[in-house]
Amino acid sequence: MYTQILDVALGERPPRETEMATDEALSALLDCRQHLDPIASSQRGSDWSSAALANQVAHDIALIDLARCVGIDCDSTSFDQPKRRRIQIEQQLFSRGVRLDGLDQRADSTSKHR
């Protein structure tokens, strides 16, 4: 079911006039990662599950975009186990010189200096 949701979300995006640059894709992924933190049960509203799903879909779209930017063949059909697929893509990105392990820390320090 998740693959279908992800596929629809990818299909509903407006077409781009130019290909996405790698730094633009990295920035989009960084923005999405900031919204993936687990929500404490005391902070959950009535629509938290919808928001969590939307955040995961946005993250995975950004991850697919980044993977495609560096030449990794990637689409929504491989996300039947999203967590496992994310790890696989991140490993493929790492093997192509795209390191994501420090991405979250850089985002935190950048947002604190604004």
Protein backbone atom coordinates (compact mmCIF):
# COMPACT_ATOMS: atom_id res chain seq x y z
CA MET A 1 0.00 0.00 0.00
CA TYR A 2 2.84 2.43 0.82
CA THR A 3 4.32 1.94 -2.64
CA GLN A 4 0.98 2.95 -4.16
CA ILE A 5 0.79 6.10 -2.03
CA LEU A 6 4.38 6.98 -2.92
CA ASP A 7 3.73 6.31 -6.61
CA VAL A 8 0.68 8.60 -6.64
CA ALA A 9 2.60 11.33 -4.82
CA LEU A 10 5.44 11.10 -7.35
CA GLY A 11 2.96 11.22 -10.22
CA GLU A 12 1.12 14.26 -8.88
CA ARG A 13 4.17 16.47 -8.76
CA PRO A 14 4.27 19.18 -11.40
CA PRO A 15 6.80 18.51 -14.15
CA ARG A 16 10.15 20.25 -13.77
CA GLU A 17 11.47 22.42 -16.56
CA THR A 18 15.06 21.48 -15.72
CA GLU A 19 16.65 18.52 -13.99
CA MET A 20 17.19 18.86 -10.28
CA ALA A 21 20.78 19.59 -9.26
CA THR A 22 22.38 17.36 -6.65
CA ASP A 23 22.76 20.19 -4.13
CA GLU A 24 19.08 21.08 -4.58
CA ALA A 25 18.11 17.44 -3.99
CA LEU A 26 20.33 17.29 -0.89
CA SER A 27 18.71 20.45 0.45
CA ALA A 28 15.22 19.03 -0.12
CA LEU A 29 16.17 15.80 1.65
CA LEU A 30 17.62 17.76 4.55
CA ASP A 31 14.39 19.75 4.90
CA CYS A 32 12.33 16.56 4.89
CA ARG A 33 14.53 14.82 7.45
CA GLN A 34 13.82 17.57 9.96
CA HIS A 35 10.17 16.46 10.00
CA LEU A 36 10.80 12.75 10.52
CA ASP A 37 11.46 12.89 14.26
CA PRO A 38 9.10 10.68 16.23
CA ILE A 39 6.28 12.56 17.86
CA ALA A 40 6.01 12.00 21.59
CA SER A 41 2.73 10.34 22.53
CA SER A 42 1.82 13.32 24.73
CA GLN A 43 2.21 15.67 21.74
CA ARG A 44 0.15 13.64 19.28
CA GLY A 45 -2.96 15.30 17.96
CA SER A 46 -5.81 13.55 16.25
CA ASP A 47 -4.13 13.78 12.84
CA TRP A 48 -0.58 12.75 13.83
CA SER A 49 -0.64 9.53 11.80
CA SER A 50 -1.60 11.40 8.62
CA ALA A 51 1.15 13.94 9.25
CA ALA A 52 3.69 11.19 9.92
CA LEU A 53 2.76 9.42 6.69
CA ALA A 54 2.94 12.66 4.70
CA ASN A 55 6.39 13.38 6.18
CA GLN A 56 7.63 9.90 5.27
CA VAL A 57 6.32 10.20 1.71
CA ALA A 58 7.95 13.62 1.30
CA HIS A 59 11.23 12.21 2.65
CA ASP A 60 11.17 9.24 0.31
CA ILE A 61 10.40 11.44 -2.70
CA ALA A 62 13.40 13.61 -1.80
CA LEU A 63 15.55 10.49 -1.36
CA ILE A 64 14.44 9.15 -4.77
CA ASP A 65 15.22 12.53 -6.34
CA LEU A 66 18.71 12.56 -4.84
CA ALA A 67 19.36 8.98 -5.91
CA ARG A 68 18.31 9.78 -9.46
CA CYS A 69 20.56 12.87 -9.49
CA VAL A 70 23.61 10.70 -8.96
CA GLY A 71 22.53 8.02 -11.43
CA ILE A 72 20.95 5.44 -9.14
CA ASP A 73 17.96 3.72 -10.72
CA CYS A 74 15.20 4.23 -8.19
CA ASP A 75 11.42 4.38 -8.18
CA SER A 76 8.48 3.89 -5.84
CA THR A 77 8.00 0.18 -6.58
CA SER A 78 11.02 -0.78 -4.48
CA PHE A 79 9.58 0.76 -1.29
CA ASP A 80 7.47 -2.20 -0.17
CA GLN A 81 9.64 -2.17 2.97
CA PRO A 82 10.40 1.57 3.26
CA LYS A 83 12.90 1.46 6.11
CA ARG A 84 14.97 -1.25 4.43
CA ARG A 85 14.86 0.54 1.06
CA ARG A 86 15.96 3.83 2.63
CA ILE A 87 19.00 2.10 4.10
CA GLN A 88 19.83 0.50 0.75
CA ILE A 89 19.60 3.81 -1.11
CA GLU A 90 21.70 5.58 1.51
CA GLN A 91 24.36 2.87 1.15
CA GLN A 92 24.31 3.29 -2.64
CA LEU A 93 24.61 7.05 -2.22
CA PHE A 94 27.55 6.58 0.14
CA SER A 95 29.28 4.34 -2.40
CA ARG A 96 28.96 7.20 -4.91
CA GLY A 97 30.45 9.75 -2.54
CA VAL A 98 27.24 11.23 -1.13
CA ARG A 99 27.51 11.11 2.64
CA LEU A 100 24.31 11.56 4.57
CA ASP A 101 25.60 10.61 8.01
CA GLY A 102 26.45 14.21 8.98
CA LEU A 103 23.53 15.78 7.19
CA ASP A 104 21.28 16.10 10.24
CA GLN A 105 23.98 17.64 12.43
CA ARG A 106 24.77 20.26 9.77
CA ALA A 107 21.08 21.12 9.55
CA ASP A 108 20.84 21.58 13.30
CA SER A 109 23.85 23.89 13.43
CA THR A 110 22.65 25.86 10.40
CA SER A 111 19.16 26.38 11.81
CA LYS A 112 20.61 27.54 15.16
CA HIS A 113 22.65 30.25 13.43
CA ARG A 114 19.68 31.78 11.62
